[in-house]
PDB file of N, CA and C in Angstrom:
ATOM      1  N   MET A   1      39.814  66.022  81.871  1.00  0.00           N
ATOM      2  CA  MET A   1      39.827  67.140  80.364  1.00  0.00           C
ATOM      3  C   MET A   1      38.809  67.023  79.815  1.00  0.00           C
ATOM      4  N   LEU A   2      38.059  67.773  79.220  1.00  0.00           N
ATOM      5  CA  LEU A   2      36.954  67.534  78.603  1.00  0.00           C
ATOM      6  C   LEU A   2      37.865  67.351  76.878  1.00  0.00           C
ATOM      7  N   THR A   3      36.674  67.458  75.995  1.00  0.00           N
ATOM      8  CA  THR A   3      37.549  67.205  74.771  1.00  0.00           C
ATOM      9  C   THR A   3      37.976  68.530  74.142  1.00  0.00           C
ATOM     10  N   SER A   4      36.749  69.468  74.256  1.00  0.00           N
ATOM     11  CA  SER A   4      37.123  70.885  73.944  1.00  0.00           C
ATOM     12  C   SER A   4      37.191  71.598  75.375  1.00  0.00           C
ATOM     13  N   THR A   5      38.357  72.822  75.379  1.00  0.00           N
ATOM     14  CA  THR A   5      38.473  73.409  76.353  1.00  0.00           C
ATOM     15  C   THR A   5      39.182  74.523  75.676  1.00  0.00           C
ATOM     16  N   VAL A   6      38.537  75.690  76.357  1.00  0.00           N
ATOM     17  CA  VAL A   6      38.815  76.851  76.480  1.00  0.00           C
ATOM     18  C   VAL A   6      39.337  77.747  77.409  1.00  0.00           C
ATOM     19  N   ILE A   7      40.638  77.863  77.338  1.00  0.00           N
ATOM     20  CA  ILE A   7      41.414  78.271  78.611  1.00  0.00           C
ATOM     21  C   ILE A   7      41.770  79.574  78.223  1.00  0.00           C
ATOM     22  N   LYS A   8      41.862  80.825  79.075  1.00  0.00           N
ATOM     23  CA  LYS A   8      41.984  82.202  78.455  1.00  0.00           C
ATOM     24  C   LYS A   8      43.104  82.474  79.257  1.00  0.00           C
ATOM     25  N   LEU A   9      44.158  82.437  78.440  1.00  0.00           N
ATOM     26  CA  LEU A   9      45.994  82.900  78.925  1.00  0.00           C
ATOM     27  C   LEU A   9      46.445  83.781  78.259  1.00  0.00           C
ATOM     28  N   LEU A  10      46.194  84.392  77.366  1.00  0.00           N
ATOM     29  CA  LEU A  10      46.560  85.251  76.786  1.00  0.00           C
ATOM     30  C   LEU A  10      45.935  86.368  76.300  1.00  0.00           C
ATOM     31  N   LYS A  11      46.042  87.962  75.940  1.00  0.00           N
ATOM     32  CA  LYS A  11      45.259  88.963  75.874  1.00  0.00           C
ATOM     33  C   LYS A  11      45.335  89.502  74.158  1.00  0.00           C
ATOM     34  N   SER A  12      46.702  89.162  74.098  1.00  0.00           N
ATOM     35  CA  SER A  12      47.505  89.339  72.941  1.00  0.00           C
ATOM     36  C   SER A  12      47.456  88.631  71.592  1.00  0.00           C
ATOM     37  N   PRO A  13      46.561  89.056  70.355  1.00  0.00           N
ATOM     38  CA  PRO A  13      45.745  88.269  69.420  1.00  0.00           C
ATOM     39  C   PRO A  13      47.248  87.620  68.423  1.00  0.00           C
ATOM     40  N   CYS A  14      47.362  86.620  68.568  1.00  0.00           N
ATOM     41  CA  CYS A  14      48.069  85.914  68.110  1.00  0.00           C
ATOM     42  C   CYS A  14      47.382  84.353  67.105  1.00  0.00           C
ATOM     43  N   LEU A  15      48.245  83.722  66.171  1.00  0.00           N
ATOM     44  CA  LEU A  15      47.811  82.812  65.840  1.00  0.00           C
ATOM     45  C   LEU A  15      48.981  81.660  65.690  1.00  0.00           C
ATOM     46  N   SER A  16      48.831  80.614  66.433  1.00  0.00           N
ATOM     47  CA  SER A  16      50.125  79.701  66.577  1.00  0.00           C
ATOM     48  C   SER A  16      49.146  78.635  66.621  1.00  0.00           C
ATOM     49  N   GLN A  17      50.506  77.497  66.686  1.00  0.00           N
ATOM     50  CA  GLN A  17      50.086  75.795  67.133  1.00  0.00           C
ATOM     51  C   GLN A  17      50.799  75.274  68.106  1.00  0.00           C
ATOM     52  N   ILE A  18      50.591  75.077  69.012  1.00  0.00           N
ATOM     53  CA  ILE A  18      51.222  74.437  70.185  1.00  0.00           C
ATOM     54  C   ILE A  18      50.798  72.810  70.409  1.00  0.00           C
ATOM     55  N   SER A  19      52.125  71.983  70.255  1.00  0.00           N
ATOM     56  CA  SER A  19      51.807  70.845  70.581  1.00  0.00           C
ATOM     57  C   SER A  19      51.898  70.078  71.915  1.00  0.00           C
ATOM     58  N   ARG A  20      51.278  69.356  72.930  1.00  0.00           N
ATOM     59  CA  ARG A  20      51.804  68.972  73.895  1.00  0.00           C
ATOM     60  C   ARG A  20      51.174  67.697  73.998  1.00  0.00           C
ATOM     61  N   GLY A  21      51.979  66.700  73.585  1.00  0.00           N
ATOM     62  CA  GLY A  21      52.376  65.342  73.662  1.00  0.00           C
ATOM     63  C   GLY A  21      50.959  64.986  72.056  1.00  0.00           C
ATOM     64  N   SER A  22      50.180  64.450  72.669  1.00  0.00           N
ATOM     65  CA  SER A  22      48.980  63.687  71.829  1.00  0.00           C
ATOM     66  C   SER A  22      48.142  64.953  71.743  1.00  0.00           C
ATOM     67  N   GLN A  23      47.870  66.218  72.372  1.00  0.00           N
ATOM     68  CA  GLN A  23      47.149  67.182  71.965  1.00  0.00           C
ATOM     69  C   GLN A  23      47.994  68.362  71.015  1.00  0.00           C
ATOM     70  N   SER A  24      46.947  68.685  70.481  1.00  0.00           N
ATOM     71  CA  SER A  24      47.052  69.999  69.460  1.00  0.00           C
ATOM     72  C   SER A  24      46.521  71.306  70.118  1.00  0.00           C
ATOM     73  N   CYS A  25      47.026  72.219  69.869  1.00  0.00           N
ATOM     74  CA  CYS A  25      46.215  73.710  70.435  1.00  0.00           C
ATOM     75  C   CYS A  25      46.356  74.679  69.758  1.00  0.00           C
ATOM     76  N   SER A  26      45.623  75.930  69.350  1.00  0.00           N
ATOM     77  CA  SER A  26      45.692  76.725  68.784  1.00  0.00           C
ATOM     78  C   SER A  26      45.315  77.628  69.696  1.00  0.00           C
ATOM     79  N   ILE A  27      46.190  78.555  69.529  1.00  0.00           N
ATOM     80  CA  ILE A  27      45.998  80.222  70.416  1.00  0.00           C
ATOM     81  C   ILE A  27      45.485  81.085  69.353  1.00  0.00           C
ATOM     82  N   PHE A  28      44.707  81.839  69.781  1.00  0.00           N
ATOM     83  CA  PHE A  28      44.374  83.286  69.375  1.00  0.00           C
ATOM     84  C   PHE A  28      42.939  83.632  69.968  1.00  0.00           C
ATOM     85  N   SER A  29      43.112  84.917  70.036  1.00  0.00           N
ATOM     86  CA  SER A  29      42.246  86.085  70.637  1.00  0.00           C
ATOM     87  C   SER A  29      42.025  85.946  71.909  1.00  0.00           C
ATOM     88  N   SER A  30      43.491  85.888  72.814  1.00  0.00           N
ATOM     89  CA  SER A  30      42.943  85.401  74.178  1.00  0.00           C
ATOM     90  C   SER A  30      42.562  83.698  74.717  1.00  0.00           C
ATOM     91  N   ALA A  31      42.676  83.239  73.883  1.00  0.00           N
ATOM     92  CA  ALA A  31      42.163  81.598  73.961  1.00  0.00           C
ATOM     93  C   ALA A  31      42.668  80.489  73.341  1.00  0.00           C
ATOM     94  N   ILE A  32      42.861  79.782  74.183  1.00  0.00           N
ATOM     95  CA  ILE A  32      43.422  78.352  73.623  1.00  0.00           C
ATOM     96  C   ILE A  32      41.935  77.265  73.650  1.00  0.00           C
ATOM     97  N   HIS A  33      42.641  76.642  72.572  1.00  0.00           N
ATOM     98  CA  HIS A  33      41.424  76.126  72.207  1.00  0.00           C
ATOM     99  C   HIS A  33      41.995  74.606  71.978  1.00  0.00           C
ATOM    100  N   CYS A  34      42.051  73.721  73.247  1.00  0.00           N
ATOM    101  CA  CYS A  34      43.127  72.450  72.788  1.00  0.00           C
ATOM    102  C   CYS A  34      41.656  70.802  72.710  1.00  0.00           C
ATOM    103  N   ILE A  35      42.100  70.398  72.129  1.00  0.00           N
ATOM    104  CA  ILE A  35      41.509  69.357  71.614  1.00  0.00           C
ATOM    105  C   ILE A  35      42.473  67.932  71.811  1.00  0.00           C
ATOM    106  N   GLY A  36      41.935  67.154  72.949  1.00  0.00           N
ATOM    107  CA  GLY A  36      42.959  65.958  72.978  1.00  0.00           C
ATOM    108  C   GLY A  36      42.389  64.446  73.886  1.00  0.00           C
ATOM    109  N   ARG A  37      43.197  63.961  74.284  1.00  0.00           N
ATOM    110  CA  ARG A  37      42.282  62.955  74.945  1.00  0.00           C
ATOM    111  C   ARG A  37      41.080  63.687  75.890  1.00  0.00           C
ATOM    112  N   ASP A  38      40.367  62.549  76.032  1.00  0.00           N
ATOM    113  CA  ASP A  38      39.705  62.561  77.296  1.00  0.00           C
ATOM    114  C   ASP A  38      39.919  62.055  78.454  1.00  0.00           C
ATOM    115  N   GLY A  39      39.759  63.008  79.898  1.00  0.00           N
ATOM    116  CA  GLY A  39      39.959  62.417  80.687  1.00  0.00           C
ATOM    117  C   GLY A  39      39.385  61.812  81.430  1.00  0.00           C
ATOM    118  N   LEU A  40      39.422  61.542  82.639  1.00  0.00           N
ATOM    119  CA  LEU A  40      38.758  60.599  83.597  1.00  0.00           C
ATOM    120  C   LEU A  40      37.093  60.686  83.539  1.00  0.00           C
ATOM    121  N   PRO A  41      36.177  59.857  83.319  1.00  0.00           N
ATOM    122  CA  PRO A  41      34.670  60.262  83.332  1.00  0.00           C
ATOM    123  C   PRO A  41      34.040  60.764  84.572  1.00  0.00           C
ATOM    124  N   VAL A  42      33.794  61.621  84.479  1.00  0.00           N
ATOM    125  CA  VAL A  42      33.067  62.660  86.195  1.00  0.00           C
ATOM    126  C   VAL A  42      31.493  61.264  86.118  1.00  0.00           C
ATOM    127  N   GLU A  43      31.647  61.273  87.511  1.00  0.00           N
ATOM    128  CA  GLU A  43      30.245  60.214  87.623  1.00  0.00           C
ATOM    129  C   GLU A  43      29.029  61.068  88.230  1.00  0.00           C
ATOM    130  N   THR A  44      27.816  61.302  87.940  1.00  0.00           N
ATOM    131  CA  THR A  44      26.894  62.055  87.595  1.00  0.00           C
ATOM    132  C   THR A  44      25.732  61.444  88.653  1.00  0.00           C
ATOM    133  N   ASP A  45      25.697  59.926  89.025  1.00  0.00           N
ATOM    134  CA  ASP A  45      24.788  59.142  89.501  1.00  0.00           C
ATOM    135  C   ASP A  45      24.393  59.619  91.171  1.00  0.00           C
ATOM    136  N   THR A  46      23.976  60.121  91.809  1.00  0.00           N
ATOM    137  CA  THR A  46      24.098  60.448  93.125  1.00  0.00           C
ATOM    138  C   THR A  46      23.790  59.331  93.940  1.00  0.00           C
ATOM    139  N   HIS A  47      23.359  58.405  93.414  1.00  0.00           N
ATOM    140  CA  HIS A  47      22.987  56.409  94.456  1.00  0.00           C
ATOM    141  C   HIS A  47      24.581  56.249  94.228  1.00  0.00           C
ATOM    142  N   LYS A  48      25.154  56.419  93.032  1.00  0.00           N
ATOM    143  CA  LYS A  48      26.462  55.248  92.910  1.00  0.00           C
ATOM    144  C   LYS A  48      27.391  56.185  93.733  1.00  0.00           C
ATOM    145  N   LEU A  49      27.246  57.554  93.726  1.00  0.00           N
ATOM    146  CA  LEU A  49      28.200  58.263  94.382  1.00  0.00           C
ATOM    147  C   LEU A  49      28.020  58.317  96.313  1.00  0.00           C
ATOM    148  N   ARG A  50      27.287  58.311  96.460  1.00  0.00           N
ATOM    149  CA  ARG A  50      26.399  57.766  97.966  1.00  0.00           C
ATOM    150  C   ARG A  50      26.836  56.410  98.444  1.00  0.00           C
ATOM    151  N   GLN A  51      26.991  55.753  97.670  1.00  0.00           N
ATOM    152  CA  GLN A  51      27.222  54.351  97.833  1.00  0.00           C
ATOM    153  C   GLN A  51      28.900  53.432  97.892  1.00  0.00           C
ATOM    154  N   TYR A  52      29.532  54.082  96.925  1.00  0.00           N
ATOM    155  CA  TYR A  52      31.051  53.767  96.292  1.00  0.00           C
ATOM    156  C   TYR A  52      31.510  54.725  96.233  1.00  0.00           C
ATOM    157  N   VAL A  53      32.996  54.881  96.677  1.00  0.00           N
ATOM    158  CA  VAL A  53      34.053  55.607  96.333  1.00  0.00           C
ATOM    159  C   VAL A  53      34.293  55.242  94.840  1.00  0.00           C
ATOM    160  N   CYS A  54      33.843  56.118  94.453  1.00  0.00           N
ATOM    161  CA  CYS A  54      34.228  56.134  92.821  1.00  0.00           C
ATOM    162  C   CYS A  54      35.422  56.751  92.081  1.00  0.00           C
ATOM    163  N   GLY A  55      35.664  55.709  91.496  1.00  0.00           N
ATOM    164  CA  GLY A  55      37.545  56.010  91.179  1.00  0.00           C
ATOM    165  C   GLY A  55      38.548  55.105  91.558  1.00  0.00           C
ATOM    166  N   SER A  56      38.095  54.297  92.870  1.00  0.00           N
ATOM    167  CA  SER A  56      39.282  53.914  93.703  1.00  0.00           C
ATOM    168  C   SER A  56      39.359  52.702  92.640  1.00  0.00           C
ATOM    169  N   ASP A  57      39.167  52.350  91.757  1.00  0.00           N
ATOM    170  CA  ASP A  57      39.943  51.347  90.938  1.00  0.00           C
ATOM    171  C   ASP A  57      40.316  51.682  89.890  1.00  0.00           C
ATOM    172  N   MET A  58      41.594  51.617  89.482  1.00  0.00           N
ATOM    173  CA  MET A  58      42.302  52.057  88.544  1.00  0.00           C
ATOM    174  C   MET A  58      41.502  51.319  87.151  1.00  0.00           C
ATOM    175  N   VAL A  59      41.644  49.660  87.387  1.00  0.00           N
ATOM    176  CA  VAL A  59      41.607  49.055  85.783  1.00  0.00           C
ATOM    177  C   VAL A  59      40.329  49.791  85.023  1.00  0.00           C
ATOM    178  N   LYS A  60      40.644  49.889  83.582  1.00  0.00           N
ATOM    179  CA  LYS A  60      39.767  50.317  83.031  1.00  0.00           C
ATOM    180  C   LYS A  60      38.838  49.146  82.591  1.00  0.00           C
ATOM    181  N   GLU A  61      39.071  47.620  82.466  1.00  0.00           N
ATOM    182  CA  GLU A  61      37.991  46.661  82.239  1.00  0.00           C
ATOM    183  C   GLU A  61      37.551  45.941  83.240  1.00  0.00           C
ATOM    184  N   ASN A  62      36.162  46.031  83.498  1.00  0.00           N
ATOM    185  CA  ASN A  62      35.459  45.387  84.749  1.00  0.00           C
ATOM    186  C   ASN A  62      35.585  45.921  85.861  1.00  0.00           C
ATOM    187  N   ARG A  63      35.405  47.150  86.173  1.00  0.00           N
ATOM    188  CA  ARG A  63      35.793  48.298  86.950  1.00  0.00           C
ATOM    189  C   ARG A  63      35.050  48.149  88.402  1.00  0.00           C
ATOM    190  N   GLN A  64      35.068  47.633  89.512  1.00  0.00           N
ATOM    191  CA  GLN A  64      34.366  47.814  90.034  1.00  0.00           C
ATOM    192  C   GLN A  64      34.990  48.506  91.726  1.00  0.00           C
ATOM    193  N   ASP A  65      34.208  49.650  92.182  1.00  0.00           N
ATOM    194  CA  ASP A  65      34.524  50.749  93.282  1.00  0.00           C
ATOM    195  C   ASP A  65      34.310  50.055  94.364  1.00  0.00           C
ATOM    196  N   VAL A  66      34.649  50.513  95.076  1.00  0.00           N
ATOM    197  CA  VAL A  66      34.912  49.987  96.708  1.00  0.00           C
ATOM    198  C   VAL A  66      33.642  50.690  97.492  1.00  0.00           C
ATOM    199  N   LYS A  67      32.454  49.560  97.714  1.00  0.00           N
ATOM    200  CA  LYS A  67      31.582  49.857  98.561  1.00  0.00           C
ATOM    201  C   LYS A  67      31.565  50.776  99.574  1.00  0.00           C
ATOM    202  N   VAL A  68      31.334  51.833 100.062  1.00  0.00           N
ATOM    203  CA  VAL A  68      30.617  52.462 101.151  1.00  0.00           C
ATOM    204  C   VAL A  68      30.244  51.878 102.538  1.00  0.00           C
ATOM    205  N   LYS A  69      31.173  51.266 103.598  1.00  0.00           N
ATOM    206  CA  LYS A  69      30.496  51.037 104.503  1.00  0.00           C
ATOM    207  C   LYS A  69      29.748  51.447 105.791  1.00  0.00           C
ATOM    208  N   GLU A  70      29.128  50.829 106.595  1.00  0.00           N
ATOM    209  CA  GLU A  70      28.571  51.504 107.751  1.00  0.00           C
ATOM    210  C   GLU A  70      29.412  52.229 108.563  1.00  0.00           C
ATOM    211  N   ASP A  71      29.505  53.343 109.568  1.00  0.00           N
ATOM    212  CA  ASP A  71      30.441  53.924 110.215  1.00  0.00           C
ATOM    213  C   ASP A  71      31.237  52.656 111.107  1.00  0.00           C
ATOM    214  N   HIS A  72      30.343  51.960 111.986  1.00  0.00           N
ATOM    215  CA  HIS A  72      30.645  51.151 112.691  1.00  0.00           C
ATOM    216  C   HIS A  72      31.632  50.042 112.749  1.00  0.00           C
ATOM    217  N   GLU A  73      31.415  49.926 111.403  1.00  0.00           N
ATOM    218  CA  GLU A  73      32.681  48.655 110.659  1.00  0.00           C
ATOM    219  C   GLU A  73      33.817  49.463 110.420  1.00  0.00           C
ATOM    220  N   TYR A  74      33.946  50.398 110.759  1.00  0.00           N
ATOM    221  CA  TYR A  74      35.672  51.540 110.467  1.00  0.00           C
ATOM    222  C   TYR A  74      36.201  51.429 111.483  1.00  0.00           C
ATOM    223  N   PRO A  75      37.547  51.325 112.006  1.00  0.00           N
ATOM    224  CA  PRO A  75      38.356  51.204 113.187  1.00  0.00           C
ATOM    225  C   PRO A  75      37.656  52.393 113.492  1.00  0.00           C
ATOM    226  N   ASP A  76      38.142  52.379 115.247  1.00  0.00           N
ATOM    227  CA  ASP A  76      37.870  53.644 116.259  1.00  0.00           C
ATOM    228  C   ASP A  76      38.940  54.520 115.811  1.00  0.00           C
ATOM    229  N   TRP A  77      39.812  54.371 115.669  1.00  0.00           N
ATOM    230  CA  TRP A  77      41.018  55.384 115.468  1.00  0.00           C
ATOM    231  C   TRP A  77      41.062  55.998 114.367  1.00  0.00           C
ATOM    232  N   LEU A  78      40.229  55.768 113.233  1.00  0.00           N
ATOM    233  CA  LEU A  78      39.778  56.185 112.006  1.00  0.00           C
ATOM    234  C   LEU A  78      39.548  57.601 112.202  1.00  0.00           C
ATOM    235  N   TRP A  79      38.006  58.075 113.437  1.00  0.00           N
ATOM    236  CA  TRP A  79      37.691  58.373 113.578  1.00  0.00           C
ATOM    237  C   TRP A  79      38.278  59.912 114.618  1.00  0.00           C
ATOM    238  N   SER A  80      39.633  59.494 115.212  1.00  0.00           N
ATOM    239  CA  SER A  80      39.743  60.309 116.123  1.00  0.00           C
ATOM    240  C   SER A  80      41.265  61.070 115.276  1.00  0.00           C
ATOM    241  N   LEU A  81      41.219  61.037 113.877  1.00  0.00           N
ATOM    242  CA  LEU A  81      42.802  61.551 113.312  1.00  0.00           C
ATOM    243  C   LEU A  81      42.459  62.804 113.215  1.00  0.00           C
ATOM    244  N   ARG A  82      43.652  63.840 113.409  1.00  0.00           N
ATOM    245  CA  ARG A  82      43.741  64.993 113.024  1.00  0.00           C
ATOM    246  C   ARG A  82      43.249  65.233 112.130  1.00  0.00           C
ATOM    247  N   THR A  83      42.703  66.220 111.138  1.00  0.00           N
ATOM    248  CA  THR A  83      42.357  66.307 109.774  1.00  0.00           C
ATOM    249  C   THR A  83      42.652  67.907 109.964  1.00  0.00           C
ATOM    250  N   GLY A  84      42.557  68.899 111.013  1.00  0.00           N
ATOM    251  CA  GLY A  84      42.666  70.008 111.159  1.00  0.00           C
ATOM    252  C   GLY A  84      44.015  70.516 110.605  1.00  0.00           C
ATOM    253  N   HIS A  85      44.530  71.676 111.234  1.00  0.00           N
ATOM    254  CA  HIS A  85      45.957  72.192 111.199  1.00  0.00           C
ATOM    255  C   HIS A  85      46.699  71.588 112.347  1.00  0.00           C
ATOM    256  N   PRO A  86      48.407  71.207 112.068  1.00  0.00           N
ATOM    257  CA  PRO A  86      48.760  70.520 113.025  1.00  0.00           C
ATOM    258  C   PRO A  86      49.107  71.379 114.759  1.00  0.00           C
ATOM    259  N   LEU A  87      49.537  70.660 115.235  1.00  0.00           N
ATOM    260  CA  LEU A  87      49.534  71.109 116.619  1.00  0.00           C
ATOM    261  C   LEU A  87      50.709  72.164 117.013  1.00  0.00           C
ATOM    262  N   PRO A  88      50.479  73.322 117.477  1.00  0.00           N
ATOM    263  CA  PRO A  88      51.118  74.053 117.718  1.00  0.00           C
ATOM    264  C   PRO A  88      52.802  73.520 118.426  1.00  0.00           C
ATOM    265  N   LEU A  89      53.429  74.414 118.285  1.00  0.00           N
ATOM    266  CA  LEU A  89      54.965  73.836 118.531  1.00  0.00           C
ATOM    267  C   LEU A  89      55.126  73.783 120.534  1.00  0.00           C
ATOM    268  N   GLU A  90      53.953  74.513 120.796  1.00  0.00           N
ATOM    269  CA  GLU A  90      54.300  74.667 122.553  1.00  0.00           C
ATOM    270  C   GLU A  90      53.750  73.282 123.216  1.00  0.00           C
ATOM    271  N   GLU A  91      52.931  72.527 122.414  1.00  0.00           N
ATOM    272  CA  GLU A  91      52.149  71.542 122.629  1.00  0.00           C
ATOM    273  C   GLU A  91      52.878  69.960 122.152  1.00  0.00           C
ATOM    274  N   LEU A  92      53.701  70.327 121.567  1.00  0.00           N
ATOM    275  CA  LEU A  92      54.828  69.043 121.006  1.00  0.00           C
ATOM    276  C   LEU A  92      55.564  68.759 122.235  1.00  0.00           C
ATOM    277  N   ASP A  93      56.079  67.406 122.352  1.00  0.00           N
ATOM    278  CA  ASP A  93      57.483  66.852 123.589  1.00  0.00           C
ATOM    279  C   ASP A  93      58.760  67.541 122.472  1.00  0.00           C
ATOM    280  N   PRO A  94      59.638  68.072 123.272  1.00  0.00           N
ATOM    281  CA  PRO A  94      60.634  68.248 122.734  1.00  0.00           C
ATOM    282  C   PRO A  94      61.832  67.200 122.419  1.00  0.00           C
ATOM    283  N   ASN A  95      61.346  65.739 123.120  1.00  0.00           N
ATOM    284  CA  ASN A  95      62.000  64.944 122.570  1.00  0.00           C
ATOM    285  C   ASN A  95      61.990  63.949 121.590  1.00  0.00           C
ATOM    286  N   THR A  96      60.937  64.872 120.415  1.00  0.00           N
ATOM    287  CA  THR A  96      60.615  63.616 119.583  1.00  0.00           C
ATOM    288  C   THR A  96      60.977  64.349 118.247  1.00  0.00           C
ATOM    289  N   LYS A  97      61.328  63.723 117.559  1.00  0.00           N
ATOM    290  CA  LYS A  97      61.968  64.164 115.868  1.00  0.00           C
ATOM    291  C   LYS A  97      60.905  64.637 115.076  1.00  0.00           C
ATOM    292  N   TYR A  98      59.704  64.288 115.436  1.00  0.00           N
ATOM    293  CA  TYR A  98      58.463  65.693 114.769  1.00  0.00           C
ATOM    294  C   TYR A  98      58.928  67.011 115.329  1.00  0.00           C
ATOM    295  N   TYR A  99      59.442  67.035 116.588  1.00  0.00           N
ATOM    296  CA  TYR A  99      59.051  68.546 117.378  1.00  0.00           C
ATOM    297  C   TYR A  99      60.130  69.291 116.547  1.00  0.00           C
ATOM    298  N   TRP A 100      61.462  68.563 116.267  1.00  0.00           N
ATOM    299  CA  TRP A 100      62.648  69.068 115.390  1.00  0.00           C
ATOM    300  C   TRP A 100      62.613  69.472 114.430  1.00  0.00           C
ATOM    301  N   ARG A 101      61.383  68.542 113.975  1.00  0.00           N
ATOM    302  CA  ARG A 101      61.559  68.847 112.516  1.00  0.00           C
ATOM    303  C   ARG A 101      60.389  70.294 111.813  1.00  0.00           C
ATOM    304  N   ARG A 102      59.371  70.264 112.735  1.00  0.00           N
ATOM    305  CA  ARG A 102      58.733  71.180 112.814  1.00  0.00           C
ATOM    306  C   ARG A 102      59.207  72.262 112.967  1.00  0.00           C
ATOM    307  N   LEU A 103      59.908  72.652 113.973  1.00  0.00           N
ATOM    308  CA  LEU A 103      60.978  73.456 114.495  1.00  0.00           C
ATOM    309  C   LEU A 103      61.718  74.237 113.616  1.00  0.00           C
ATOM    310  N   ARG A 104      62.275  73.291 112.749  1.00  0.00           N
ATOM    311  CA  ARG A 104      63.269  73.608 111.506  1.00  0.00           C
ATOM    312  C   ARG A 104      62.446  74.320 110.258  1.00  0.00           C
ATOM    313  N   THR A 105      61.758  73.679 110.272  1.00  0.00           N
ATOM    314  CA  THR A 105      60.462  73.935 109.406  1.00  0.00           C
ATOM    315  C   THR A 105      60.132  75.137 109.006  1.00  0.00           C
ATOM    316  N   LEU A 106      59.496  75.687 110.611  1.00  0.00           N
ATOM    317  CA  LEU A 106      58.880  76.942 111.092  1.00  0.00           C
ATOM    318  C   LEU A 106      60.322  77.888 110.918  1.00  0.00           C
ATOM    319  N   HIS A 107      61.298  77.769 111.291  1.00  0.00           N
ATOM    320  CA  HIS A 107      62.741  78.624 111.174  1.00  0.00           C
ATOM    321  C   HIS A 107      62.701  79.015 109.800  1.00  0.00           C
ATOM    322  N   MET A 108      62.631  78.254 108.726  1.00  0.00           N
ATOM    323  CA  MET A 108      62.996  78.321 107.554  1.00  0.00           C
ATOM    324  C   MET A 108      61.953  79.304 106.892  1.00  0.00           C
ATOM    325  N   ARG A 109      60.754  78.717 107.129  1.00  0.00           N
ATOM    326  CA  ARG A 109      59.536  79.789 106.643  1.00  0.00           C
ATOM    327  C   ARG A 109      60.227  81.264 107.153  1.00  0.00           C
ATOM    328  N   ASN A 110      60.361  81.090 108.262  1.00  0.00           N
ATOM    329  CA  ASN A 110      60.631  82.761 109.260  1.00  0.00           C
ATOM    330  C   ASN A 110      61.666  83.226 108.361  1.00  0.00           C
ATOM    331  N   ASN A 111      62.576  82.732 108.028  1.00  0.00           N
ATOM    332  CA  ASN A 111      63.895  83.165 107.228  1.00  0.00           C
ATOM    333  C   ASN A 111      63.929  83.297 105.949  1.00  0.00           C
ATOM    334  N   ASN A 112      62.545  83.015 105.061  1.00  0.00           N
ATOM    335  CA  ASN A 112      62.299  82.929 103.895  1.00  0.00           C
ATOM    336  C   ASN A 112      61.545  84.656 103.923  1.00  0.00           C
ATOM    337  N   LYS A 113      60.552  84.432 104.960  1.00  0.00           N
ATOM    338  CA  LYS A 113      59.777  85.746 104.645  1.00  0.00           C
ATOM    339  C   LYS A 113      60.707  86.847 105.016  1.00  0.00           C
ATOM    340  N   ILE A 114      61.712  86.961 106.003  1.00  0.00           N
ATOM    341  CA  ILE A 114      62.465  87.991 106.505  1.00  0.00           C
ATOM    342  C   ILE A 114      63.347  88.338 104.900  1.00  0.00           C
ATOM    343  N   ALA A 115      64.094  87.382 104.419  1.00  0.00           N
ATOM    344  CA  ALA A 115      64.699  87.278 103.273  1.00  0.00           C
ATOM    345  C   ALA A 115      63.753  88.063 102.048  1.00  0.00           C
ATOM    346  N   LYS A 116      62.539  87.899 101.915  1.00  0.00           N
ATOM    347  CA  LYS A 116      61.926  88.521 101.040  1.00  0.00           C
ATOM    348  C   LYS A 116      61.714  89.800 101.072  1.00  0.00           C
ATOM    349  N   LEU A 117      61.815  90.072 102.210  1.00  0.00           N
ATOM    350  CA  LEU A 117      61.460  91.597 102.743  1.00  0.00           C
ATOM    351  C   LEU A 117      62.993  92.426 102.713  1.00  0.00           C
ATOM    352  N   ARG A 118      64.105  92.115 102.413  1.00  0.00           N
ATOM    353  CA  ARG A 118      65.135  92.169 102.561  1.00  0.00           C
ATOM    354  C   ARG A 118      65.291  92.488 100.882  1.00  0.00           C
ATOM    355  N   GLY A 119      64.824  92.601 100.196  1.00  0.00           N
ATOM    356  CA  GLY A 119      64.850  92.399  98.627  1.00  0.00           C
ATOM    357  C   GLY A 119      66.872  92.547  97.689  1.00  0.00           C
ATOM    358  N   PHE A 120      67.403  93.130  97.326  1.00  0.00           N
ATOM    359  CA  PHE A 120      68.270  92.595  96.707  1.00  0.00           C
ATOM    360  C   PHE A 120      69.666  93.166  97.936  1.00  0.00           C
TER     361      PHE A 120
END
């Protein structure tokens, strides 16, 4: 969060106070001005962003972020991880627990879509 942020939420002109923990916000003319704690600092140094995993160390004092290594220093299985969509149900083995969980999830999603179409 920035020290002062403007978030447009309401279109009706009003003047009131909202308190959210340590923040106090005033609403007027379709905007909320919040003044509160500063959030995490955003790193803008490009050299540091390329060399370190910024924000990996949550300690406030003596912060030391993890240095990014060369590709050959990481294990081989890391580069073969699936990061896209999950496998289709037809490609999974029906003797695994993952298959039956996926089948149940897809069935529930389908039932929810049908229930939305029915209305009342």
